[in-house]
């Protein structure tokens, strides 16, 4: 993998998710998403926000965010964002304000003088202490034990190969819907509402969940529903129908109020 941006963009395009949908689902700005996929992290607010955006985007795509954040920290260690210079403003001061500023300046000067005097006194005492310290010969230095070296934990090398998206995605269930005619749907994943509205004719949608799905379809016979690539054959009828898929992949049909609500 050449960069973090290429990896994120490749994972999104593999899942066929438009940037507008990512922004809508994650509540992130489209320009921040484009900046992360382009590797232009300087366009984001601050390094602390970059790590948060990376975690949100990676988890949304079903990826492990830790290697991405570690690689970003290594590639951008020590980088300080350049602040924009504030616009100059004309300041009109009254005599009372001028007097207060002068008093503050005098106080700072007094503190500075006291600090210099204390530092000079400390330097003189250290110099006197060194003068009374016996010199150590080269032979004595060679016999002194060396301090133990600190343990260094292994780190990820920049641009190191990250696990392919398929390995992380395999831990989640994938629900796909292919619509023959425009139909209204409502989809919960792990108790969180992911979609509610009309899917237009000929469109394909998919959602990911770690535990379960709870789906409501207005006209089930118009939808081809697949779980991890396997078609759900029991969908039929013209009246609204609820489908619950548990963590073991068991499919249950029911009517009335949805379980996730």
Protein backbone atom coordinates (compact mmCIF):
# COMPACT_ATOMS: atom_id res chain seq x y z
CA UNK A 1 0.00 0.00 0.00
CA UNK A 2 1.41 3.39 -1.05
CA UNK A 3 -0.41 5.59 1.46
CA UNK A 4 -3.19 5.82 4.02
CA UNK A 5 -5.31 7.79 1.56
CA UNK A 6 -5.00 5.16 -1.19
CA UNK A 7 -5.96 2.45 1.31
CA UNK A 8 -9.08 4.32 2.49
CA UNK A 9 -10.16 5.25 -1.02
CA UNK A 10 -9.67 1.68 -2.25
CA UNK A 11 -11.76 0.27 0.62
CA UNK A 12 -14.58 2.78 -0.06
CA UNK A 13 -14.59 2.14 -3.82
CA UNK A 14 -14.59 -1.62 -3.24
CA UNK A 15 -17.77 -1.20 -1.19
CA UNK A 16 -19.24 1.14 -3.86
CA UNK A 17 -20.04 3.87 -1.32
CA UNK A 18 -20.17 7.46 -2.70
CA UNK A 19 -18.46 10.19 -0.72
CA UNK A 20 -21.79 11.96 -0.21
CA UNK A 21 -23.20 8.89 1.58
CA UNK A 22 -20.07 8.62 3.76
CA UNK A 23 -20.47 12.26 4.79
CA UNK A 24 -24.17 11.73 5.51
CA UNK A 25 -23.65 8.58 7.59
CA UNK A 26 -20.55 9.72 9.54
CA UNK A 27 -21.54 13.41 9.91
CA UNK A 28 -18.07 14.38 8.56
CA UNK A 29 -17.56 17.10 5.94
CA UNK A 30 -17.00 15.88 2.35
CA UNK A 31 -13.88 18.06 2.08
CA UNK A 32 -12.34 16.27 5.10
CA UNK A 33 -13.11 12.86 3.57
CA UNK A 34 -11.54 13.92 0.25
CA UNK A 35 -8.52 15.33 2.12
CA UNK A 36 -7.95 12.02 3.98
CA UNK A 37 -8.23 9.99 0.76
CA UNK A 38 -5.79 12.41 -0.94
CA UNK A 39 -3.32 12.25 1.96
CA UNK A 40 -3.64 16.03 2.51
CA UNK A 41 -4.00 15.85 6.29
CA UNK A 42 -2.87 19.47 6.67
CA UNK A 43 -6.35 20.51 5.46
CA UNK A 44 -7.92 18.98 8.58
CA UNK A 45 -8.32 21.11 11.74
CA UNK A 46 -5.51 19.65 13.93
CA UNK A 47 -3.51 16.39 14.44
CA UNK A 48 -5.79 15.39 17.33
CA UNK A 49 -8.83 15.71 15.05
CA UNK A 50 -7.06 13.77 12.28
CA UNK A 51 -6.74 10.72 14.56
CA UNK A 52 -10.43 10.93 15.44
CA UNK A 53 -11.49 11.28 11.79
CA UNK A 54 -9.29 8.31 10.80
CA UNK A 55 -10.89 6.12 13.50
CA UNK A 56 -14.43 7.10 12.46
CA UNK A 57 -13.77 6.59 8.73
CA UNK A 58 -11.92 3.26 9.21
CA UNK A 59 -14.62 1.79 11.50
CA UNK A 60 -17.31 2.95 9.06
CA UNK A 61 -15.56 1.01 6.26
CA UNK A 62 -15.16 -2.05 8.50
CA UNK A 63 -11.38 -1.57 8.93
CA UNK A 64 -9.14 -1.75 11.99
CA UNK A 65 -8.25 1.92 12.72
CA UNK A 66 -5.18 1.22 14.90
CA UNK A 67 -2.61 0.54 12.13
CA UNK A 68 -3.83 3.57 10.20
CA UNK A 69 -3.51 5.91 13.21
CA UNK A 70 -0.05 4.49 14.07
CA UNK A 71 1.16 4.99 10.51
CA UNK A 72 -0.18 8.55 10.47
CA UNK A 73 1.60 9.36 13.77
CA UNK A 74 4.90 7.99 12.41
CA UNK A 75 4.63 9.78 9.08
CA UNK A 76 3.64 13.10 10.64
CA UNK A 77 5.62 13.02 13.91
CA UNK A 78 6.86 16.47 14.90
CA UNK A 79 4.85 18.30 12.25
CA UNK A 80 3.47 21.56 13.63
CA UNK A 81 0.64 23.18 11.77
CA UNK A 82 1.40 26.77 10.73
CA UNK A 83 -1.08 29.13 12.33
CA UNK A 84 -2.59 31.89 10.22
CA UNK A 85 -1.30 35.36 11.31
CA UNK A 86 -4.02 37.40 12.99
CA UNK A 87 -5.19 40.50 11.24
CA UNK A 88 -3.64 43.69 12.56
CA UNK A 89 -6.01 45.97 14.42
CA UNK A 90 -5.64 49.57 15.52
CA UNK A 91 -5.81 49.87 19.31
CA UNK A 92 -6.80 53.15 20.93
CA UNK A 93 -5.78 53.37 24.57
CA UNK A 94 -6.91 55.77 27.24
CA UNK A 95 -4.52 57.28 29.84
CA UNK A 96 -5.73 54.80 32.49
CA UNK A 97 -5.00 51.86 30.19
CA UNK A 98 -1.55 53.28 29.38
CA UNK A 99 -0.76 53.56 33.12
CA UNK A 100 -1.86 49.95 33.70
CA UNK A 101 0.32 48.73 30.84
CA UNK A 102 3.28 50.61 32.24
CA UNK A 103 2.71 49.08 35.68
CA UNK A 104 2.56 45.61 34.16
CA UNK A 105 5.82 46.25 32.27
CA UNK A 106 7.59 47.42 35.43
CA UNK A 107 6.36 44.35 37.33
CA UNK A 108 7.60 42.02 34.61
CA UNK A 109 10.99 43.76 34.62
CA UNK A 110 11.30 43.28 38.40
CA UNK A 111 10.43 39.59 38.10
CA UNK A 112 13.01 39.23 35.31
CA UNK A 113 15.74 40.86 37.43
CA UNK A 114 14.94 38.58 40.39
CA UNK A 115 15.02 35.53 38.13
CA UNK A 116 18.40 36.49 36.65
CA UNK A 117 19.85 37.06 40.13
CA UNK A 118 18.58 33.67 41.37
CA UNK A 119 19.98 31.94 38.29
CA UNK A 120 23.36 33.60 38.73
CA UNK A 121 23.48 32.52 42.39
CA UNK A 122 22.61 28.94 41.44
CA UNK A 123 25.29 28.92 38.72
CA UNK A 124 27.93 30.12 41.19
CA UNK A 125 26.99 27.42 43.74
CA UNK A 126 27.15 24.71 41.03
CA UNK A 127 30.54 25.99 39.89
CA UNK A 128 31.87 25.89 43.45
CA UNK A 129 30.55 22.34 43.94
CA UNK A 130 32.26 21.15 40.74
CA UNK A 131 35.52 22.71 41.89
CA UNK A 132 35.48 20.51 45.05
CA UNK A 133 34.47 17.31 43.22
CA UNK A 134 37.45 14.93 42.79
CA UNK A 135 38.28 14.05 39.20
CA UNK A 136 37.62 10.49 38.04
CA UNK A 137 40.35 8.82 35.99
CA UNK A 138 39.78 7.12 32.66
CA UNK A 139 40.54 3.70 34.20
CA UNK A 140 37.87 4.25 36.87
CA UNK A 141 35.36 5.25 34.24
CA UNK A 142 36.01 2.03 32.30
CA UNK A 143 35.20 -0.07 35.39
CA UNK A 144 31.90 1.66 36.15
CA UNK A 145 28.79 -0.40 35.19
CA UNK A 146 26.83 0.91 32.24
CA UNK A 147 23.14 1.74 32.78
CA UNK A 148 20.67 -0.70 31.18
CA UNK A 149 19.29 0.32 27.80
CA UNK A 150 15.56 1.09 27.72
CA UNK A 151 13.34 -1.50 26.08
CA UNK A 152 12.12 -0.46 22.65
CA UNK A 153 8.73 -1.72 21.58
CA UNK A 154 8.32 -2.67 17.92
CA UNK A 155 6.58 -0.10 15.74
CA UNK A 156 4.97 -0.24 12.35
CA UNK A 157 7.26 1.03 9.61
CA UNK A 158 5.89 3.87 7.48
CA UNK A 159 4.05 2.64 4.40
CA UNK A 160 4.12 -0.92 5.78
CA UNK A 161 1.57 -3.33 4.35
CA UNK A 162 -1.72 -3.18 6.24
CA UNK A 163 -4.11 -6.14 6.40
CA UNK A 164 -6.41 -6.26 3.36
CA UNK A 165 -9.95 -4.98 3.89
CA UNK A 166 -11.40 -8.47 3.31
CA UNK A 167 -9.80 -9.82 6.52
CA UNK A 168 -11.47 -7.17 8.71
CA UNK A 169 -14.75 -7.18 6.82
CA UNK A 170 -15.09 -10.95 7.33
CA UNK A 171 -15.84 -10.29 11.00
CA UNK A 172 -19.05 -8.45 10.05
CA UNK A 173 -22.28 -9.47 8.37
CA UNK A 174 -23.12 -7.85 5.05
CA UNK A 175 -26.74 -7.26 4.06
CA UNK A 176 -27.43 -6.39 0.39
CA UNK A 177 -30.69 -5.19 -1.18
CA UNK A 178 -31.41 -5.13 -4.93
CA UNK A 179 -34.64 -3.31 -5.73
CA UNK A 180 -36.84 -4.26 -8.70
CA UNK A 181 -39.21 -1.31 -8.21
CA UNK A 182 -39.02 1.73 -5.93
CA UNK A 183 -39.76 0.54 -2.40
CA UNK A 184 -39.66 1.96 1.15
CA UNK A 185 -37.23 0.31 3.61
CA UNK A 186 -36.02 0.78 7.18
CA UNK A 187 -32.75 -0.84 8.34
CA UNK A 188 -31.30 -1.15 11.86
CA UNK A 189 -27.81 -2.62 12.41
CA UNK A 190 -26.84 -3.55 15.99
CA UNK A 191 -29.76 -1.41 17.21
CA UNK A 192 -28.65 1.70 15.26
CA UNK A 193 -30.83 3.14 12.49
CA UNK A 194 -28.73 3.15 9.29
CA UNK A 195 -31.35 3.79 6.62
CA UNK A 196 -34.97 4.91 6.34
CA UNK A 197 -36.54 5.95 3.07
CA UNK A 198 -37.35 4.92 -0.48
CA UNK A 199 -34.80 2.97 -2.53
CA UNK A 200 -35.23 3.86 -6.17
CA UNK A 201 -35.82 1.27 -8.90
CA UNK A 202 -32.65 -0.51 -10.04
CA UNK A 203 -30.58 0.70 -7.07
CA UNK A 204 -28.42 -1.53 -4.88
CA UNK A 205 -27.72 -0.81 -1.21
CA UNK A 206 -25.73 -2.67 1.44
CA UNK A 207 -25.13 -2.37 5.19
CA UNK A 208 -22.70 -3.93 7.71
CA UNK A 209 -23.34 -5.18 11.26
CA UNK A 210 -21.38 -7.05 13.89
CA UNK A 211 -24.34 -8.61 15.71
CA UNK A 212 -27.77 -8.34 14.06
CA UNK A 213 -30.05 -6.64 11.54
CA UNK A 214 -33.66 -5.54 11.96
CA UNK A 215 -35.33 -4.67 8.61
CA UNK A 216 -38.78 -3.49 7.58
CA UNK A 217 -39.79 -3.66 3.88
CA UNK A 218 -43.04 -2.13 2.59
CA UNK A 219 -43.40 -4.55 -0.37
CA UNK A 220 -41.10 -7.52 0.17
CA UNK A 221 -41.69 -9.14 -3.21
CA UNK A 222 -39.95 -6.20 -4.92
CA UNK A 223 -36.64 -6.72 -3.07
CA UNK A 224 -33.89 -9.33 -3.53
CA UNK A 225 -32.28 -9.48 -0.07
CA UNK A 226 -28.93 -11.26 0.44
CA UNK A 227 -26.99 -12.01 3.63
CA UNK A 228 -23.24 -12.48 3.03
CA UNK A 229 -23.97 -13.28 -0.60
CA UNK A 230 -26.75 -15.82 0.16
CA UNK A 231 -30.23 -14.92 -1.11
CA UNK A 232 -33.06 -14.75 1.46
CA UNK A 233 -35.72 -16.76 -0.38
CA UNK A 234 -38.64 -16.29 2.02
CA UNK A 235 -39.38 -12.68 1.02
CA UNK A 236 -42.81 -12.39 -0.60
CA UNK A 237 -46.10 -10.56 -0.43
CA UNK A 238 -47.29 -6.97 -0.88
CA UNK A 239 -47.81 -6.01 2.78
CA UNK A 240 -45.04 -4.64 5.06
CA UNK A 241 -42.87 -7.32 6.60
CA UNK A 242 -40.20 -7.29 9.33
CA UNK A 243 -37.05 -9.43 9.15
CA UNK A 244 -34.73 -10.01 12.11
CA UNK A 245 -31.28 -11.58 11.58
CA UNK A 246 -29.47 -12.57 14.79
CA UNK A 247 -25.71 -12.85 15.46
CA UNK A 248 -25.67 -16.47 14.26
CA UNK A 249 -27.26 -15.55 10.91
CA UNK A 250 -30.68 -17.00 11.80
CA UNK A 251 -33.49 -15.26 9.89
CA UNK A 252 -36.88 -14.63 11.52
CA UNK A 253 -39.97 -12.98 9.98
CA UNK A 254 -42.54 -11.12 12.05
CA UNK A 255 -45.11 -8.30 11.87
CA UNK A 256 -45.99 -5.33 14.04
CA UNK A 257 -43.57 -3.04 15.85
CA UNK A 258 -39.88 -3.50 15.01
CA UNK A 259 -37.66 -5.03 17.73
CA UNK A 260 -35.05 -2.29 17.46
CA UNK A 261 -37.57 0.46 18.19
